[in-house]
Amino acid sequence: MNQPVELMMIVLVLTDLLLLGSSRVAGSVRLMAAQGLLLGLLPLLAHHGLGGHALVLAAGSTGLKGLIFPWLLRRALRDTETHREMEPFVGYVASLLIGLAVLGASCWLGARLPLPGPVVSPLALPVGLFTIWVGLFLIVARRQAITQVLGYVVMENGIFTVGVVLVQGQPFLVELGVLLDIFVAVFVMGLLVFHISREFEHMDTDQLDALKDWSS
């Protein structure tokens, strides 16, 4: 058992729960940045060394998810003057209660799924699954486009957690490919957020279905 990894998994769960209960978008961005910085250490702790692959993966994860993505989202917050998620599809108390139930289900499922071999931490799989769910939940249960972009990054944090700790053989190539995909996706979504903010007075994506094709 790797105690630093165990502690990291516990902190990751706490940040996930805070994301579910937070209405301040800027605070959620800081939590996402904390997750990115924390997970940047995971390849080094999980693979017991400072090998080249682990260092590149750690630097890429820390740089993208702990620094670049939060900077892009904070800039979008300034440009759009977004402060709070006022009327989410699912309220914050309900989000926390559902989250606790899903956390229990993730622990139950993680204890029963067959694993490819010995793992650094038995918490890695349930925590990774729970983080993936939190990201998906933020995407579908929140109205603000910026919060939905943030949820996409949180979902990738869960994929990163499962991949680094559980994937045998060549996790470096798998995770590097995921990091590249997430970078392109966040860049494109950042452009969409910018153009939405220029054309409309709000960032509520659910109101976009009211648009009509004037040419018809």
N, C-alpha and C. Protein backbone atom coordinates (compact mmCIF):
# COMPACT_ATOMS: atom_id res chain seq x y z
N MET A 1 0.85 -1.20 0.00
CA MET A 1 0.00 0.00 0.00
C MET A 1 0.88 1.25 0.00
N ASN A 2 0.56 2.20 -0.85
CA ASN A 2 1.32 3.44 -0.97
C ASN A 2 0.55 4.55 -0.26
N GLN A 3 1.03 4.94 0.91
CA GLN A 3 0.29 5.91 1.71
C GLN A 3 0.13 7.27 1.05
N PRO A 4 1.18 7.83 0.37
CA PRO A 4 0.97 9.11 -0.32
C PRO A 4 -0.12 9.03 -1.39
N VAL A 5 -0.19 7.91 -2.12
CA VAL A 5 -1.25 7.76 -3.12
C VAL A 5 -2.61 7.64 -2.45
N GLU A 6 -2.68 6.91 -1.33
CA GLU A 6 -3.94 6.80 -0.59
C GLU A 6 -4.42 8.19 -0.16
N LEU A 7 -3.51 8.99 0.38
CA LEU A 7 -3.87 10.34 0.81
C LEU A 7 -4.32 11.19 -0.38
N MET A 8 -3.64 11.01 -1.52
CA MET A 8 -4.02 11.76 -2.72
C MET A 8 -5.43 11.39 -3.17
N MET A 9 -5.78 10.12 -3.08
CA MET A 9 -7.12 9.69 -3.48
C MET A 9 -8.18 10.30 -2.56
N ILE A 10 -7.88 10.38 -1.27
CA ILE A 10 -8.84 10.97 -0.33
C ILE A 10 -9.04 12.45 -0.64
N VAL A 11 -7.94 13.17 -0.91
CA VAL A 11 -8.05 14.58 -1.24
C VAL A 11 -8.82 14.77 -2.55
N LEU A 12 -8.61 13.87 -3.50
CA LEU A 12 -9.33 13.96 -4.77
C LEU A 12 -10.84 13.80 -4.56
N VAL A 13 -11.24 12.89 -3.68
CA VAL A 13 -12.66 12.73 -3.38
C VAL A 13 -13.22 13.99 -2.74
N LEU A 14 -12.46 14.59 -1.82
CA LEU A 14 -12.94 15.81 -1.15
C LEU A 14 -13.12 16.95 -2.15
N THR A 15 -12.18 17.10 -3.08
CA THR A 15 -12.33 18.16 -4.09
C THR A 15 -13.51 17.87 -5.01
N ASP A 16 -13.76 16.60 -5.31
CA ASP A 16 -14.94 16.25 -6.12
C ASP A 16 -16.22 16.67 -5.41
N LEU A 17 -16.31 16.39 -4.12
CA LEU A 17 -17.51 16.76 -3.36
C LEU A 17 -17.66 18.27 -3.28
N LEU A 18 -16.56 18.98 -3.12
CA LEU A 18 -16.62 20.45 -3.10
C LEU A 18 -17.09 20.99 -4.44
N LEU A 19 -16.67 20.37 -5.53
CA LEU A 19 -17.13 20.80 -6.86
C LEU A 19 -18.64 20.61 -7.00
N LEU A 20 -19.16 19.53 -6.45
CA LEU A 20 -20.60 19.29 -6.54
C LEU A 20 -21.39 20.31 -5.73
N GLY A 21 -20.81 20.83 -4.64
CA GLY A 21 -21.54 21.74 -3.77
C GLY A 21 -21.20 23.20 -3.95
N SER A 22 -20.35 23.53 -4.92
CA SER A 22 -19.91 24.91 -5.08
C SER A 22 -20.73 25.64 -6.14
N SER A 23 -21.20 26.84 -5.79
CA SER A 23 -21.90 27.67 -6.76
C SER A 23 -20.99 28.72 -7.39
N ARG A 24 -19.85 28.99 -6.77
CA ARG A 24 -18.91 29.97 -7.30
C ARG A 24 -18.06 29.34 -8.40
N VAL A 25 -18.15 29.89 -9.59
CA VAL A 25 -17.42 29.32 -10.72
C VAL A 25 -15.92 29.49 -10.53
N ALA A 26 -15.49 30.66 -10.01
CA ALA A 26 -14.06 30.88 -9.79
C ALA A 26 -13.51 29.89 -8.77
N GLY A 27 -14.29 29.60 -7.72
CA GLY A 27 -13.86 28.61 -6.74
C GLY A 27 -13.76 27.22 -7.36
N SER A 28 -14.67 26.89 -8.26
CA SER A 28 -14.60 25.59 -8.93
C SER A 28 -13.37 25.49 -9.81
N VAL A 29 -13.01 26.59 -10.46
CA VAL A 29 -11.79 26.59 -11.29
C VAL A 29 -10.57 26.35 -10.42
N ARG A 30 -10.54 26.96 -9.22
CA ARG A 30 -9.41 26.73 -8.32
C ARG A 30 -9.35 25.28 -7.86
N LEU A 31 -10.50 24.69 -7.60
CA LEU A 31 -10.53 23.28 -7.22
C LEU A 31 -10.03 22.40 -8.35
N MET A 32 -10.43 22.72 -9.57
CA MET A 32 -9.95 21.96 -10.72
C MET A 32 -8.44 22.09 -10.87
N ALA A 33 -7.91 23.32 -10.64
CA ALA A 33 -6.46 23.52 -10.71
C ALA A 33 -5.75 22.73 -9.64
N ALA A 34 -6.33 22.67 -8.43
CA ALA A 34 -5.73 21.88 -7.36
C ALA A 34 -5.69 20.41 -7.72
N GLN A 35 -6.75 19.92 -8.35
CA GLN A 35 -6.75 18.53 -8.81
C GLN A 35 -5.63 18.30 -9.83
N GLY A 36 -5.47 19.23 -10.76
CA GLY A 36 -4.44 19.07 -11.78
C GLY A 36 -3.04 19.04 -11.18
N LEU A 37 -2.78 19.94 -10.23
CA LEU A 37 -1.47 19.97 -9.59
C LEU A 37 -1.24 18.71 -8.77
N LEU A 38 -2.28 18.25 -8.10
CA LEU A 38 -2.16 17.04 -7.28
C LEU A 38 -1.90 15.82 -8.15
N LEU A 39 -2.67 15.68 -9.23
CA LEU A 39 -2.52 14.52 -10.09
C LEU A 39 -1.21 14.54 -10.87
N GLY A 40 -0.59 15.73 -10.97
CA GLY A 40 0.71 15.78 -11.61
C GLY A 40 1.76 14.96 -10.89
N LEU A 41 1.56 14.76 -9.58
CA LEU A 41 2.50 13.95 -8.79
C LEU A 41 2.19 12.46 -8.89
N LEU A 42 1.01 12.11 -9.39
CA LEU A 42 0.58 10.71 -9.37
C LEU A 42 1.49 9.78 -10.17
N PRO A 43 1.94 10.14 -11.39
CA PRO A 43 2.83 9.23 -12.11
C PRO A 43 4.12 8.95 -11.35
N LEU A 44 4.65 9.95 -10.64
CA LEU A 44 5.89 9.76 -9.89
C LEU A 44 5.68 8.84 -8.70
N LEU A 45 4.55 9.00 -8.01
CA LEU A 45 4.27 8.17 -6.83
C LEU A 45 3.83 6.76 -7.23
N ALA A 46 3.07 6.66 -8.31
CA ALA A 46 2.53 5.36 -8.70
C ALA A 46 3.59 4.44 -9.28
N HIS A 47 4.59 5.01 -9.95
CA HIS A 47 5.59 4.19 -10.63
C HIS A 47 6.94 4.22 -9.92
N HIS A 48 6.96 4.76 -8.70
CA HIS A 48 8.11 4.64 -7.82
C HIS A 48 9.41 5.11 -8.46
N GLY A 49 9.45 6.31 -8.97
CA GLY A 49 10.72 6.78 -9.50
C GLY A 49 10.59 8.03 -10.32
N LEU A 50 11.76 8.50 -10.78
CA LEU A 50 11.83 9.71 -11.58
C LEU A 50 12.26 9.37 -13.00
N GLY A 51 11.70 8.30 -13.55
CA GLY A 51 12.02 7.92 -14.92
C GLY A 51 11.56 8.95 -15.91
N GLY A 52 12.10 8.87 -17.12
CA GLY A 52 11.79 9.87 -18.15
C GLY A 52 10.32 9.93 -18.49
N HIS A 53 9.69 8.77 -18.66
CA HIS A 53 8.28 8.74 -19.01
C HIS A 53 7.43 9.35 -17.90
N ALA A 54 7.72 8.97 -16.66
CA ALA A 54 6.94 9.49 -15.53
C ALA A 54 7.11 11.00 -15.40
N LEU A 55 8.34 11.50 -15.62
CA LEU A 55 8.58 12.93 -15.51
C LEU A 55 7.85 13.71 -16.59
N VAL A 56 7.87 13.20 -17.83
CA VAL A 56 7.17 13.89 -18.92
C VAL A 56 5.67 13.90 -18.67
N LEU A 57 5.14 12.76 -18.25
CA LEU A 57 3.70 12.68 -17.97
C LEU A 57 3.30 13.59 -16.82
N ALA A 58 4.13 13.62 -15.77
CA ALA A 58 3.84 14.49 -14.63
C ALA A 58 3.90 15.96 -15.04
N ALA A 59 4.93 16.33 -15.81
CA ALA A 59 5.07 17.73 -16.25
C ALA A 59 3.92 18.13 -17.17
N GLY A 60 3.52 17.22 -18.08
CA GLY A 60 2.42 17.53 -18.99
C GLY A 60 1.11 17.70 -18.27
N SER A 61 0.84 16.79 -17.33
CA SER A 61 -0.40 16.88 -16.56
C SER A 61 -0.44 18.14 -15.71
N THR A 62 0.67 18.43 -15.01
CA THR A 62 0.71 19.62 -14.15
C THR A 62 0.59 20.89 -14.97
N GLY A 63 1.31 20.95 -16.08
CA GLY A 63 1.29 22.17 -16.90
C GLY A 63 -0.06 22.44 -17.52
N LEU A 64 -0.68 21.39 -18.07
CA LEU A 64 -1.95 21.58 -18.77
C LEU A 64 -3.11 21.77 -17.79
N LYS A 65 -3.28 20.80 -16.87
CA LYS A 65 -4.47 20.80 -16.02
C LYS A 65 -4.32 21.64 -14.76
N GLY A 66 -3.08 21.89 -14.35
CA GLY A 66 -2.88 22.69 -13.15
C GLY A 66 -2.60 24.16 -13.42
N LEU A 67 -2.15 24.49 -14.66
CA LEU A 67 -1.77 25.87 -14.96
C LEU A 67 -2.49 26.43 -16.18
N ILE A 68 -2.35 25.77 -17.33
CA ILE A 68 -2.87 26.34 -18.58
C ILE A 68 -4.39 26.35 -18.62
N PHE A 69 -5.04 25.21 -18.34
CA PHE A 69 -6.50 25.16 -18.37
C PHE A 69 -7.12 26.12 -17.37
N PRO A 70 -6.67 26.16 -16.10
CA PRO A 70 -7.24 27.15 -15.17
C PRO A 70 -7.04 28.58 -15.64
N TRP A 71 -5.88 28.88 -16.23
CA TRP A 71 -5.65 30.23 -16.74
C TRP A 71 -6.63 30.58 -17.85
N LEU A 72 -6.87 29.63 -18.76
CA LEU A 72 -7.83 29.88 -19.84
C LEU A 72 -9.23 30.11 -19.29
N LEU A 73 -9.63 29.30 -18.30
CA LEU A 73 -10.98 29.44 -17.74
C LEU A 73 -11.11 30.73 -16.93
N ARG A 74 -10.06 31.10 -16.19
CA ARG A 74 -10.12 32.37 -15.44
C ARG A 74 -10.21 33.55 -16.40
N ARG A 75 -9.52 33.46 -17.52
CA ARG A 75 -9.62 34.53 -18.52
C ARG A 75 -11.03 34.59 -19.09
N ALA A 76 -11.62 33.43 -19.35
CA ALA A 76 -13.00 33.40 -19.84
C ALA A 76 -13.96 33.99 -18.80
N LEU A 77 -13.69 33.73 -17.52
CA LEU A 77 -14.52 34.30 -16.46
C LEU A 77 -14.46 35.82 -16.47
N ARG A 78 -13.25 36.37 -16.65
CA ARG A 78 -13.11 37.82 -16.70
C ARG A 78 -13.82 38.40 -17.91
N ASP A 79 -13.68 37.74 -19.05
CA ASP A 79 -14.29 38.27 -20.28
C ASP A 79 -15.81 38.22 -20.25
N THR A 80 -16.35 37.17 -19.63
CA THR A 80 -17.81 37.00 -19.61
C THR A 80 -18.46 37.52 -18.34
N GLU A 81 -17.65 37.93 -17.36
CA GLU A 81 -18.15 38.42 -16.07
C GLU A 81 -19.08 37.40 -15.41
N THR A 82 -18.68 36.13 -15.48
CA THR A 82 -19.44 35.06 -14.85
C THR A 82 -18.92 34.85 -13.44
N HIS A 83 -19.83 34.80 -12.46
CA HIS A 83 -19.42 34.65 -11.06
C HIS A 83 -20.02 33.41 -10.40
N ARG A 84 -21.31 33.18 -10.63
CA ARG A 84 -21.98 32.07 -9.95
C ARG A 84 -22.81 31.25 -10.93
N GLU A 85 -23.01 30.00 -10.56
CA GLU A 85 -23.98 29.14 -11.24
C GLU A 85 -25.29 29.30 -10.47
N MET A 86 -26.18 30.17 -10.99
CA MET A 86 -27.32 30.60 -10.20
C MET A 86 -28.44 29.55 -10.14
N GLU A 87 -28.79 28.96 -11.27
CA GLU A 87 -29.93 28.04 -11.31
C GLU A 87 -29.54 26.76 -12.03
N PRO A 88 -28.78 25.90 -11.37
CA PRO A 88 -28.40 24.63 -12.02
C PRO A 88 -29.60 23.73 -12.22
N PHE A 89 -29.49 22.79 -13.13
CA PHE A 89 -30.57 21.84 -13.34
C PHE A 89 -30.81 21.00 -12.09
N VAL A 90 -29.75 20.67 -11.37
CA VAL A 90 -29.84 19.92 -10.11
C VAL A 90 -29.23 20.77 -9.01
N GLY A 91 -29.98 21.00 -7.92
CA GLY A 91 -29.51 21.84 -6.84
C GLY A 91 -28.26 21.29 -6.16
N TYR A 92 -27.62 22.13 -5.37
CA TYR A 92 -26.33 21.76 -4.79
C TYR A 92 -26.48 20.72 -3.67
N VAL A 93 -27.50 20.85 -2.85
CA VAL A 93 -27.72 19.84 -1.81
C VAL A 93 -28.04 18.49 -2.45
N ALA A 94 -28.91 18.51 -3.44
CA ALA A 94 -29.24 17.27 -4.14
C ALA A 94 -28.02 16.70 -4.85
N SER A 95 -27.17 17.58 -5.40
CA SER A 95 -25.95 17.13 -6.08
C SER A 95 -25.03 16.40 -5.10
N LEU A 96 -24.89 16.94 -3.89
CA LEU A 96 -24.04 16.30 -2.88
C LEU A 96 -24.60 14.96 -2.46
N LEU A 97 -25.92 14.90 -2.25
CA LEU A 97 -26.53 13.64 -1.83
C LEU A 97 -26.38 12.57 -2.92
N ILE A 98 -26.62 12.97 -4.16
CA ILE A 98 -26.44 12.03 -5.27
C ILE A 98 -24.98 11.62 -5.37
N GLY A 99 -24.08 12.59 -5.17
CA GLY A 99 -22.66 12.30 -5.23
C GLY A 99 -22.22 11.29 -4.18
N LEU A 100 -22.72 11.42 -2.96
CA LEU A 100 -22.38 10.46 -1.91
C LEU A 100 -22.88 9.07 -2.26
N ALA A 101 -24.08 9.00 -2.85
CA ALA A 101 -24.61 7.70 -3.26
C ALA A 101 -23.75 7.09 -4.37
N VAL A 102 -23.34 7.90 -5.32
CA VAL A 102 -22.50 7.41 -6.42
C VAL A 102 -21.12 7.01 -5.90
N LEU A 103 -20.61 7.74 -4.91
CA LEU A 103 -19.32 7.38 -4.31
C LEU A 103 -19.41 5.97 -3.68
N GLY A 104 -20.50 5.72 -2.96
CA GLY A 104 -20.69 4.38 -2.40
C GLY A 104 -20.78 3.32 -3.47
N ALA A 105 -21.51 3.63 -4.55
CA ALA A 105 -21.63 2.67 -5.65
C ALA A 105 -20.29 2.45 -6.33
N SER A 106 -19.48 3.51 -6.46
CA SER A 106 -18.15 3.37 -7.08
C SER A 106 -17.25 2.48 -6.23
N CYS A 107 -17.31 2.63 -4.91
CA CYS A 107 -16.52 1.78 -4.02
C CYS A 107 -16.98 0.32 -4.13
N TRP A 108 -18.29 0.11 -4.18
CA TRP A 108 -18.82 -1.24 -4.32
C TRP A 108 -18.37 -1.87 -5.64
N LEU A 109 -18.48 -1.08 -6.74
CA LEU A 109 -18.10 -1.60 -8.06
C LEU A 109 -16.59 -1.81 -8.15
N GLY A 110 -15.81 -0.86 -7.61
CA GLY A 110 -14.36 -0.98 -7.69
C GLY A 110 -13.83 -2.19 -6.95
N ALA A 111 -14.52 -2.59 -5.88
CA ALA A 111 -14.07 -3.76 -5.11
C ALA A 111 -14.39 -5.07 -5.82
N ARG A 112 -15.26 -5.04 -6.83
CA ARG A 112 -15.69 -6.26 -7.50
C ARG A 112 -15.17 -6.40 -8.92
N LEU A 113 -14.68 -5.35 -9.51
CA LEU A 113 -14.15 -5.45 -10.86
C LEU A 113 -12.79 -6.16 -10.85
N PRO A 114 -12.57 -7.07 -11.79
CA PRO A 114 -11.26 -7.73 -11.87
C PRO A 114 -10.20 -6.74 -12.36
N LEU A 115 -9.02 -6.79 -11.74
CA LEU A 115 -7.93 -5.88 -12.09
C LEU A 115 -6.85 -6.64 -12.84
N PRO A 116 -6.11 -5.96 -13.73
CA PRO A 116 -5.10 -6.65 -14.54
C PRO A 116 -3.89 -7.11 -13.75
N GLY A 117 -3.71 -6.63 -12.55
CA GLY A 117 -2.54 -7.01 -11.75
C GLY A 117 -2.54 -6.22 -10.46
N PRO A 118 -1.45 -6.30 -9.72
CA PRO A 118 -1.35 -5.53 -8.47
C PRO A 118 -1.39 -4.03 -8.74
N VAL A 119 -2.07 -3.30 -7.87
CA VAL A 119 -2.21 -1.86 -8.04
C VAL A 119 -1.58 -1.14 -6.86
N VAL A 120 -1.25 0.12 -7.09
CA VAL A 120 -0.61 0.90 -6.05
C VAL A 120 -1.56 1.18 -4.91
N SER A 121 -2.82 1.43 -5.24
CA SER A 121 -3.81 1.77 -4.22
C SER A 121 -5.15 1.14 -4.58
N PRO A 122 -5.80 0.46 -3.63
CA PRO A 122 -7.14 -0.09 -3.90
C PRO A 122 -8.19 1.00 -4.08
N LEU A 123 -7.87 2.23 -3.68
CA LEU A 123 -8.81 3.33 -3.84
C LEU A 123 -8.79 3.94 -5.23
N ALA A 124 -7.76 3.61 -6.01
CA ALA A 124 -7.59 4.28 -7.30
C ALA A 124 -8.76 4.08 -8.24
N LEU A 125 -9.22 2.84 -8.36
CA LEU A 125 -10.32 2.56 -9.30
C LEU A 125 -11.62 3.21 -8.86
N PRO A 126 -12.09 3.02 -7.61
CA PRO A 126 -13.35 3.69 -7.21
C PRO A 126 -13.26 5.20 -7.26
N VAL A 127 -12.13 5.78 -6.85
CA VAL A 127 -12.00 7.23 -6.89
C VAL A 127 -11.96 7.73 -8.32
N GLY A 128 -11.26 7.00 -9.20
CA GLY A 128 -11.24 7.38 -10.61
C GLY A 128 -12.62 7.33 -11.23
N LEU A 129 -13.37 6.26 -10.93
CA LEU A 129 -14.74 6.15 -11.45
C LEU A 129 -15.62 7.27 -10.92
N PHE A 130 -15.48 7.59 -9.65
CA PHE A 130 -16.29 8.66 -9.06
C PHE A 130 -15.94 10.01 -9.69
N THR A 131 -14.66 10.27 -9.93
CA THR A 131 -14.26 11.54 -10.54
C THR A 131 -14.78 11.65 -11.97
N ILE A 132 -14.75 10.54 -12.71
CA ILE A 132 -15.32 10.55 -14.06
C ILE A 132 -16.81 10.91 -13.99
N TRP A 133 -17.52 10.32 -13.03
CA TRP A 133 -18.95 10.62 -12.89
C TRP A 133 -19.18 12.08 -12.52
N VAL A 134 -18.35 12.62 -11.62
CA VAL A 134 -18.50 14.03 -11.23
C VAL A 134 -18.34 14.94 -12.45
N GLY A 135 -17.36 14.65 -13.29
CA GLY A 135 -17.18 15.45 -14.50
C GLY A 135 -18.39 15.39 -15.41
N LEU A 136 -18.90 14.19 -15.64
CA LEU A 136 -20.11 14.04 -16.47
C LEU A 136 -21.30 14.76 -15.85
N PHE A 137 -21.42 14.67 -14.53
CA PHE A 137 -22.53 15.32 -13.84
C PHE A 137 -22.47 16.83 -14.01
N LEU A 138 -21.27 17.42 -13.89
CA LEU A 138 -21.13 18.87 -14.07
C LEU A 138 -21.49 19.28 -15.49
N ILE A 139 -21.21 18.42 -16.45
CA ILE A 139 -21.53 18.74 -17.84
C ILE A 139 -23.04 18.79 -18.07
N VAL A 140 -23.77 17.82 -17.49
CA VAL A 140 -25.19 17.71 -17.80
C VAL A 140 -26.08 18.42 -16.79
N ALA A 141 -25.58 18.71 -15.58
CA ALA A 141 -26.44 19.26 -14.53
C ALA A 141 -26.22 20.74 -14.28
N ARG A 142 -25.32 21.38 -15.00
CA ARG A 142 -25.05 22.80 -14.83
C ARG A 142 -25.38 23.54 -16.12
N ARG A 143 -25.73 24.81 -15.98
CA ARG A 143 -26.16 25.60 -17.12
C ARG A 143 -25.03 26.39 -17.77
N GLN A 144 -24.08 26.87 -16.96
CA GLN A 144 -23.03 27.74 -17.48
C GLN A 144 -22.07 26.97 -18.38
N ALA A 145 -21.75 27.55 -19.54
CA ALA A 145 -20.84 26.89 -20.47
C ALA A 145 -19.47 26.68 -19.84
N ILE A 146 -19.01 27.63 -19.04
CA ILE A 146 -17.69 27.51 -18.43
C ILE A 146 -17.67 26.34 -17.45
N THR A 147 -18.73 26.17 -16.68
CA THR A 147 -18.80 25.05 -15.74
C THR A 147 -18.81 23.72 -16.49
N GLN A 148 -19.44 23.68 -17.64
CA GLN A 148 -19.46 22.46 -18.43
C GLN A 148 -18.08 22.13 -18.98
N VAL A 149 -17.34 23.15 -19.41
CA VAL A 149 -15.96 22.93 -19.85
C VAL A 149 -15.13 22.40 -18.68
N LEU A 150 -15.32 22.98 -17.50
CA LEU A 150 -14.63 22.53 -16.30
C LEU A 150 -14.95 21.06 -16.01
N GLY A 151 -16.22 20.68 -16.17
CA GLY A 151 -16.60 19.30 -15.95
C GLY A 151 -15.89 18.35 -16.89
N TYR A 152 -15.65 18.79 -18.11
CA TYR A 152 -14.92 17.97 -19.07
C TYR A 152 -13.51 17.68 -18.58
N VAL A 153 -12.85 18.69 -18.03
CA VAL A 153 -11.49 18.52 -17.50
C VAL A 153 -11.51 17.60 -16.28
N VAL A 154 -12.50 17.76 -15.40
CA VAL A 154 -12.61 16.90 -14.22
C VAL A 154 -12.83 15.45 -14.64
N MET A 155 -13.63 15.23 -15.66
CA MET A 155 -13.84 13.88 -16.16
C MET A 155 -12.52 13.27 -16.63
N GLU A 156 -11.70 14.06 -17.31
CA GLU A 156 -10.40 13.56 -17.75
C GLU A 156 -9.48 13.27 -16.58
N ASN A 157 -9.63 14.05 -15.48
CA ASN A 157 -8.85 13.76 -14.29
C ASN A 157 -9.13 12.34 -13.77
N GLY A 158 -10.40 11.94 -13.84
CA GLY A 158 -10.75 10.59 -13.44
C GLY A 158 -10.15 9.54 -14.36
N ILE A 159 -10.20 9.81 -15.67
CA ILE A 159 -9.59 8.89 -16.63
C ILE A 159 -8.09 8.80 -16.39
N PHE A 160 -7.47 9.93 -16.12
CA PHE A 160 -6.03 9.97 -15.85
C PHE A 160 -5.69 9.14 -14.61
N THR A 161 -6.51 9.27 -13.56
CA THR A 161 -6.27 8.53 -12.33
C THR A 161 -6.32 7.03 -12.57
N VAL A 162 -7.36 6.57 -13.25
CA VAL A 162 -7.49 5.14 -13.53
C VAL A 162 -6.35 4.67 -14.44
N GLY A 163 -6.03 5.47 -15.46
CA GLY A 163 -5.01 5.05 -16.41
C GLY A 163 -3.63 4.93 -15.81
N VAL A 164 -3.21 5.94 -15.06
CA VAL A 164 -1.85 5.94 -14.52
C VAL A 164 -1.65 4.82 -13.51
N VAL A 165 -2.66 4.57 -12.68
CA VAL A 165 -2.49 3.61 -11.60
C VAL A 165 -2.73 2.17 -12.06
N LEU A 166 -3.66 1.97 -13.01
CA LEU A 166 -4.07 0.62 -13.35
C LEU A 166 -3.50 0.10 -14.66
N VAL A 167 -3.27 0.98 -15.64
CA VAL A 167 -2.83 0.50 -16.96
C VAL A 167 -1.43 -0.07 -16.85
N GLN A 168 -1.26 -1.28 -17.33
CA GLN A 168 0.04 -1.94 -17.30
C GLN A 168 0.76 -1.73 -18.63
N GLY A 169 2.07 -1.81 -18.60
CA GLY A 169 2.84 -1.77 -19.83
C GLY A 169 3.23 -0.37 -20.23
N GLN A 170 2.39 0.31 -21.02
CA GLN A 170 2.73 1.60 -21.58
C GLN A 170 1.67 2.64 -21.25
N PRO A 171 1.47 2.99 -19.98
CA PRO A 171 0.48 4.02 -19.65
C PRO A 171 0.87 5.38 -20.19
N PHE A 172 2.16 5.59 -20.45
CA PHE A 172 2.64 6.89 -20.90
C PHE A 172 1.98 7.28 -22.22
N LEU A 173 2.00 6.37 -23.20
CA LEU A 173 1.44 6.70 -24.51
C LEU A 173 -0.07 6.92 -24.43
N VAL A 174 -0.74 6.10 -23.61
CA VAL A 174 -2.19 6.25 -23.47
C VAL A 174 -2.54 7.60 -22.87
N GLU A 175 -1.89 7.95 -21.76
CA GLU A 175 -2.22 9.19 -21.07
C GLU A 175 -1.77 10.41 -21.84
N LEU A 176 -0.66 10.31 -22.55
CA LEU A 176 -0.22 11.45 -23.36
C LEU A 176 -1.22 11.73 -24.47
N GLY A 177 -1.77 10.66 -25.05
CA GLY A 177 -2.81 10.85 -26.07
C GLY A 177 -4.06 11.48 -25.49
N VAL A 178 -4.44 11.09 -24.28
CA VAL A 178 -5.61 11.68 -23.62
C VAL A 178 -5.36 13.16 -23.33
N LEU A 179 -4.16 13.50 -22.87
CA LEU A 179 -3.83 14.90 -22.59
C LEU A 179 -3.91 15.75 -23.85
N LEU A 180 -3.44 15.20 -24.97
CA LEU A 180 -3.53 15.95 -26.23
C LEU A 180 -4.98 16.16 -26.63
N ASP A 181 -5.81 15.13 -26.49
CA ASP A 181 -7.23 15.25 -26.82
C ASP A 181 -7.91 16.31 -25.95
N ILE A 182 -7.61 16.28 -24.65
CA ILE A 182 -8.26 17.23 -23.74
C ILE A 182 -7.80 18.65 -24.02
N PHE A 183 -6.53 18.81 -24.43
CA PHE A 183 -6.04 20.15 -24.76
C PHE A 183 -6.79 20.72 -25.95
N VAL A 184 -6.93 19.92 -27.00
CA VAL A 184 -7.65 20.38 -28.19
C VAL A 184 -9.10 20.68 -27.85
N ALA A 185 -9.73 19.80 -27.06
CA ALA A 185 -11.15 19.99 -26.72
C ALA A 185 -11.36 21.26 -25.91
N VAL A 186 -10.51 21.49 -24.90
CA VAL A 186 -10.67 22.69 -24.07
C VAL A 186 -10.39 23.94 -24.89
N PHE A 187 -9.43 23.88 -25.79
CA PHE A 187 -9.13 25.04 -26.65
C PHE A 187 -10.34 25.37 -27.52
N VAL A 188 -10.94 24.36 -28.14
CA VAL A 188 -12.11 24.60 -28.99
C VAL A 188 -13.28 25.11 -28.16
N MET A 189 -13.52 24.51 -26.97
CA MET A 189 -14.62 24.95 -26.14
C MET A 189 -14.39 26.36 -25.61
N GLY A 190 -13.12 26.71 -25.37
CA GLY A 190 -12.81 28.08 -24.96
C GLY A 190 -13.20 29.09 -26.04
N LEU A 191 -12.93 28.74 -27.30
CA LEU A 191 -13.34 29.61 -28.40
C LEU A 191 -14.86 29.74 -28.47
N LEU A 192 -15.56 28.63 -28.26
CA LEU A 192 -17.03 28.68 -28.26
C LEU A 192 -17.56 29.57 -27.15
N VAL A 193 -16.98 29.44 -25.94
CA VAL A 193 -17.40 30.28 -24.82
C VAL A 193 -17.19 31.74 -25.15
N PHE A 194 -16.05 32.06 -25.77
CA PHE A 194 -15.75 33.45 -26.11
C PHE A 194 -16.77 34.00 -27.10
N HIS A 195 -17.09 33.22 -28.13
CA HIS A 195 -18.03 33.72 -29.15
C HIS A 195 -19.46 33.77 -28.61
N ILE A 196 -19.83 32.81 -27.73
CA ILE A 196 -21.16 32.89 -27.11
C ILE A 196 -21.28 34.17 -26.29
N SER A 197 -20.23 34.49 -25.53
CA SER A 197 -20.27 35.69 -24.68
C SER A 197 -20.35 36.97 -25.50
N ARG A 198 -19.80 36.96 -26.72
CA ARG A 198 -19.85 38.15 -27.58
C ARG A 198 -21.23 38.34 -28.17
N GLU A 199 -21.94 37.24 -28.43
CA GLU A 199 -23.21 37.33 -29.13
C GLU A 199 -24.41 37.43 -28.19
N PHE A 200 -24.28 36.93 -26.95
CA PHE A 200 -25.41 36.88 -26.04
C PHE A 200 -25.04 37.52 -24.72
N GLU A 201 -26.05 37.85 -23.94
CA GLU A 201 -25.84 38.48 -22.64
C GLU A 201 -25.80 37.47 -21.51
N HIS A 202 -25.73 36.20 -21.82
CA HIS A 202 -25.71 35.17 -20.79
C HIS A 202 -24.84 34.03 -21.28
N MET A 203 -24.54 33.11 -20.35
CA MET A 203 -23.76 31.92 -20.70
C MET A 203 -24.54 30.64 -20.44
N ASP A 204 -25.88 30.74 -20.35
CA ASP A 204 -26.71 29.57 -20.08
C ASP A 204 -26.89 28.79 -21.37
N THR A 205 -26.31 27.62 -21.46
CA THR A 205 -26.38 26.86 -22.70
C THR A 205 -27.78 26.32 -22.97
N ASP A 206 -28.61 26.17 -21.92
CA ASP A 206 -29.95 25.63 -22.15
C ASP A 206 -30.83 26.61 -22.90
N GLN A 207 -30.46 27.91 -22.94
CA GLN A 207 -31.26 28.89 -23.66
C GLN A 207 -30.91 28.93 -25.15
N LEU A 208 -29.86 28.22 -25.54
CA LEU A 208 -29.49 28.24 -26.96
C LEU A 208 -30.50 27.49 -27.83
N ASP A 209 -31.34 26.63 -27.22
CA ASP A 209 -32.32 25.92 -28.02
C ASP A 209 -33.44 26.85 -28.48
N ALA A 210 -33.46 28.09 -27.95
CA ALA A 210 -34.46 29.05 -28.38
C ALA A 210 -34.08 29.75 -29.67
N LEU A 211 -32.86 29.52 -30.16
CA LEU A 211 -32.44 30.15 -31.39
C LEU A 211 -33.24 29.60 -32.56
N LYS A 212 -33.52 30.45 -33.52
CA LYS A 212 -34.29 30.04 -34.69
C LYS A 212 -33.51 30.34 -35.95
N ASP A 213 -33.79 29.56 -36.98
CA ASP A 213 -33.17 29.78 -38.28
C ASP A 213 -33.98 30.84 -39.00
N TRP A 214 -33.45 32.08 -39.00
CA TRP A 214 -34.20 33.20 -39.59
C TRP A 214 -34.35 33.07 -41.11
N SER A 215 -33.46 32.27 -41.72
CA SER A 215 -33.55 32.13 -43.16
C SER A 215 -34.77 31.34 -43.59
N SER A 216 -35.33 30.56 -42.63
CA SER A 216 -36.52 29.79 -42.95
C SER A 216 -37.78 30.59 -42.72
